[in-house]
Amino acid sequence: MRAVKSAHAWSAYESAGNRPDSGPRTLEGYASQFKRFREWLADQHPAITELRQVDAKTANEYAADLKSARVSPSTYNQHVKTLDLVWSILREPGKITVNPWAWDKKSKTGMTRLRLEKIARRK
């Protein structure tokens, strides 16, 4: 069996039996976020065709692209968490050995998440 190609990853995710049971709107959001990444990857790294070829350097470049697009911290985190989920679900069929989007809370290593600024609320 071949590794999952980035062009076919979304359909592989949708048909995966081990993915979370998400509602239609959630899946649409995930699909949109994955599509943005796939288009960026095709433009910036056309030689990378399989999910397993995406390394930490490439993931960090994409994260920098999100930041340069001035997305909110919430949107940034949604994108990174969606990609983390896709890589986790497709680990076996994608022959993925390292998930470049993962964050380990205990060791505080991996792809960082942005912190939201706390806004003082008036009563």
C-alpha atoms as a PDB file:
ATOM      1  CA  MET A   1       0.000   0.000   0.000  1.00  0.00           C
ATOM      2  CA  ARG A   2       1.257   3.468  -0.898  1.00  0.00           C
ATOM      3  CA  ALA A   3       1.505   6.410   1.481  1.00  0.00           C
ATOM      4  CA  VAL A   4      -1.302   8.984   1.405  1.00  0.00           C
ATOM      5  CA  LYS A   5      -0.710  11.761  -1.100  1.00  0.00           C
ATOM      6  CA  SER A   6      -1.573  15.287   0.015  1.00  0.00           C
ATOM      7  CA  ALA A   7      -3.957  15.600  -2.954  1.00  0.00           C
ATOM      8  CA  HIS A   8      -5.985  12.622  -1.668  1.00  0.00           C
ATOM      9  CA  ALA A   9      -5.577  13.192   2.054  1.00  0.00           C
ATOM     10  CA  TRP A  10      -8.903  14.892   2.647  1.00  0.00           C
ATOM     11  CA  SER A  11     -10.950  12.085   1.090  1.00  0.00           C
ATOM     12  CA  ALA A  12      -8.830   9.576   3.057  1.00  0.00           C
ATOM     13  CA  TYR A  13      -9.579  11.518   6.256  1.00  0.00           C
ATOM     14  CA  GLU A  14     -13.323  11.622   5.535  1.00  0.00           C
ATOM     15  CA  SER A  15     -13.473   7.864   4.958  1.00  0.00           C
ATOM     16  CA  ALA A  16     -11.212   6.939   7.903  1.00  0.00           C
ATOM     17  CA  GLY A  17     -12.974   4.758  10.446  1.00  0.00           C
ATOM     18  CA  ASN A  18     -10.917   6.129  13.324  1.00  0.00           C
ATOM     19  CA  ARG A  19     -11.750   9.817  12.872  1.00  0.00           C
ATOM     20  CA  PRO A  20     -13.970  11.684  15.326  1.00  0.00           C
ATOM     21  CA  ASP A  21     -17.680  11.788  14.532  1.00  0.00           C
ATOM     22  CA  SER A  22     -17.906  15.447  13.475  1.00  0.00           C
ATOM     23  CA  GLY A  23     -20.950  17.331  12.298  1.00  0.00           C
ATOM     24  CA  PRO A  24     -21.243  18.718   8.758  1.00  0.00           C
ATOM     25  CA  ARG A  25     -20.241  22.274   9.717  1.00  0.00           C
ATOM     26  CA  THR A  26     -17.194  21.064  11.614  1.00  0.00           C
ATOM     27  CA  LEU A  27     -16.134  18.925   8.650  1.00  0.00           C
ATOM     28  CA  GLU A  28     -16.598  21.901   6.315  1.00  0.00           C
ATOM     29  CA  GLY A  29     -14.299  23.955   8.546  1.00  0.00           C
ATOM     30  CA  TYR A  30     -11.703  21.195   8.644  1.00  0.00           C
ATOM     31  CA  ALA A  31     -11.926  20.790   4.852  1.00  0.00           C
ATOM     32  CA  SER A  32     -11.435  24.521   4.326  1.00  0.00           C
ATOM     33  CA  GLN A  33      -8.424  24.622   6.630  1.00  0.00           C
ATOM     34  CA  PHE A  34      -6.873  21.570   5.009  1.00  0.00           C
ATOM     35  CA  LYS A  35      -7.499  23.016   1.536  1.00  0.00           C
ATOM     36  CA  ARG A  36      -5.643  26.203   2.461  1.00  0.00           C
ATOM     37  CA  PHE A  37      -2.675  24.134   3.611  1.00  0.00           C
ATOM     38  CA  ARG A  38      -2.751  21.876   0.528  1.00  0.00           C
ATOM     39  CA  GLU A  39      -2.802  24.897  -1.811  1.00  0.00           C
ATOM     40  CA  TRP A  40       0.034  26.550   0.105  1.00  0.00           C
ATOM     41  CA  LEU A  41       2.043  23.309  -0.026  1.00  0.00           C
ATOM     42  CA  ALA A  42       1.516  22.921  -3.782  1.00  0.00           C
ATOM     43  CA  ASP A  43       2.645  26.507  -4.312  1.00  0.00           C
ATOM     44  CA  GLN A  44       5.578  26.626  -1.886  1.00  0.00           C
ATOM     45  CA  HIS A  45       6.799  23.005  -1.921  1.00  0.00           C
ATOM     46  CA  PRO A  46       5.571  21.270  -5.101  1.00  0.00           C
ATOM     47  CA  ALA A  47       8.045  18.396  -4.577  1.00  0.00           C
ATOM     48  CA  ILE A  48       6.245  17.393  -1.364  1.00  0.00           C
ATOM     49  CA  THR A  49       3.430  15.128  -2.492  1.00  0.00           C
ATOM     50  CA  GLU A  50       2.879  12.828   0.513  1.00  0.00           C
ATOM     51  CA  LEU A  51       1.813  13.706   4.052  1.00  0.00           C
ATOM     52  CA  ARG A  52       4.806  11.862   5.492  1.00  0.00           C
ATOM     53  CA  GLN A  53       7.135  14.245   3.645  1.00  0.00           C
ATOM     54  CA  VAL A  54       5.898  17.258   5.618  1.00  0.00           C
ATOM     55  CA  ASP A  55       8.494  17.887   8.312  1.00  0.00           C
ATOM     56  CA  ALA A  56       8.752  20.354  11.202  1.00  0.00           C
ATOM     57  CA  LYS A  57      10.496  22.936   8.999  1.00  0.00           C
ATOM     58  CA  THR A  58       7.662  22.867   6.471  1.00  0.00           C
ATOM     59  CA  ALA A  59       5.046  22.990   9.246  1.00  0.00           C
ATOM     60  CA  ASN A  60       6.772  26.011  10.785  1.00  0.00           C
ATOM     61  CA  GLU A  61       6.887  27.741   7.395  1.00  0.00           C
ATOM     62  CA  TYR A  62       3.137  27.229   7.053  1.00  0.00           C
ATOM     63  CA  ALA A  63       2.579  28.531  10.575  1.00  0.00           C
ATOM     64  CA  ALA A  64       4.598  31.625   9.649  1.00  0.00           C
ATOM     65  CA  ASP A  65       2.434  32.043   6.548  1.00  0.00           C
ATOM     66  CA  LEU A  66      -0.705  31.963   8.713  1.00  0.00           C
ATOM     67  CA  LYS A  67       0.799  34.597  10.994  1.00  0.00           C
ATOM     68  CA  SER A  68       1.814  36.792   8.045  1.00  0.00           C
ATOM     69  CA  ALA A  69      -1.781  36.566   6.796  1.00  0.00           C
ATOM     70  CA  ARG A  70      -2.660  38.178  10.129  1.00  0.00           C
ATOM     71  CA  VAL A  71      -5.200  35.563  11.132  1.00  0.00           C
ATOM     72  CA  SER A  72      -6.434  35.719  14.701  1.00  0.00           C
ATOM     73  CA  PRO A  73      -4.795  33.473  17.301  1.00  0.00           C
ATOM     74  CA  SER A  74      -8.019  31.445  17.375  1.00  0.00           C
ATOM     75  CA  THR A  75      -7.953  30.892  13.603  1.00  0.00           C
ATOM     76  CA  TYR A  76      -4.243  30.046  13.709  1.00  0.00           C
ATOM     77  CA  ASN A  77      -4.848  27.454  16.432  1.00  0.00           C
ATOM     78  CA  GLN A  78      -7.808  25.982  14.541  1.00  0.00           C
ATOM     79  CA  HIS A  79      -5.636  25.459  11.454  1.00  0.00           C
ATOM     80  CA  VAL A  80      -2.777  23.865  13.380  1.00  0.00           C
ATOM     81  CA  LYS A  81      -5.103  21.641  15.427  1.00  0.00           C
ATOM     82  CA  THR A  82      -6.936  20.508  12.282  1.00  0.00           C
ATOM     83  CA  LEU A  83      -3.663  19.547  10.616  1.00  0.00           C
ATOM     84  CA  ASP A  84      -2.566  17.768  13.809  1.00  0.00           C
ATOM     85  CA  LEU A  85      -5.833  15.802  13.741  1.00  0.00           C
ATOM     86  CA  VAL A  86      -5.530  14.872  10.046  1.00  0.00           C
ATOM     87  CA  TRP A  87      -1.932  13.679  10.509  1.00  0.00           C
ATOM     88  CA  SER A  88      -2.923  11.690  13.621  1.00  0.00           C
ATOM     89  CA  ILE A  89      -5.867   9.974  11.929  1.00  0.00           C
ATOM     90  CA  LEU A  90      -3.909   9.176   8.765  1.00  0.00           C
ATOM     91  CA  ARG A  91      -0.753   8.054  10.593  1.00  0.00           C
ATOM     92  CA  GLU A  92      -0.970   4.396   9.530  1.00  0.00           C
ATOM     93  CA  PRO A  93      -2.247   4.704   5.950  1.00  0.00           C
ATOM     94  CA  GLY A  94       0.015   7.710   5.436  1.00  0.00           C
ATOM     95  CA  LYS A  95       3.034   5.809   6.768  1.00  0.00           C
ATOM     96  CA  ILE A  96       3.687   8.858   8.934  1.00  0.00           C
ATOM     97  CA  THR A  97       6.407   8.434  11.544  1.00  0.00           C
ATOM     98  CA  VAL A  98       6.380  11.999  12.936  1.00  0.00           C
ATOM     99  CA  ASN A  99       3.422  14.372  13.221  1.00  0.00           C
ATOM    100  CA  PRO A 100       4.927  17.849  12.632  1.00  0.00           C
ATOM    101  CA  TRP A 101       1.775  19.554  13.963  1.00  0.00           C
ATOM    102  CA  ALA A 102       1.683  17.802  17.340  1.00  0.00           C
ATOM    103  CA  TRP A 103       2.154  19.617  20.649  1.00  0.00           C
ATOM    104  CA  ASP A 104       3.194  17.789  23.790  1.00  0.00           C
ATOM    105  CA  LYS A 105       1.788  19.609  26.822  1.00  0.00           C
ATOM    106  CA  LYS A 106       3.973  17.750  29.268  1.00  0.00           C
ATOM    107  CA  SER A 107       7.331  18.507  27.647  1.00  0.00           C
ATOM    108  CA  LYS A 108       6.097  21.706  25.972  1.00  0.00           C
ATOM    109  CA  THR A 109       7.613  20.656  22.668  1.00  0.00           C
ATOM    110  CA  GLY A 110       6.318  20.587  19.121  1.00  0.00           C
ATOM    111  CA  MET A 111       4.180  23.002  17.132  1.00  0.00           C
ATOM    112  CA  THR A 112       3.278  25.889  19.392  1.00  0.00           C
ATOM    113  CA  ARG A 113      -0.223  27.223  19.797  1.00  0.00           C
ATOM    114  CA  LEU A 114      -0.919  30.925  20.140  1.00  0.00           C
ATOM    115  CA  ARG A 115      -2.290  32.285  23.377  1.00  0.00           C
ATOM    116  CA  LEU A 116      -5.357  34.434  23.281  1.00  0.00           C
ATOM    117  CA  GLU A 117      -5.166  37.793  24.962  1.00  0.00           C
ATOM    118  CA  LYS A 118      -7.481  37.899  27.918  1.00  0.00           C
ATOM    119  CA  ILE A 119      -9.916  40.777  27.738  1.00  0.00           C
ATOM    120  CA  ALA A 120     -11.171  42.308  30.942  1.00  0.00           C
ATOM    121  CA  ARG A 121     -14.945  41.983  31.064  1.00  0.00           C
ATOM    122  CA  ARG A 122     -17.204  44.516  32.691  1.00  0.00           C
ATOM    123  CA  LYS A 123     -20.189  43.478  34.691  1.00  0.00           C
END
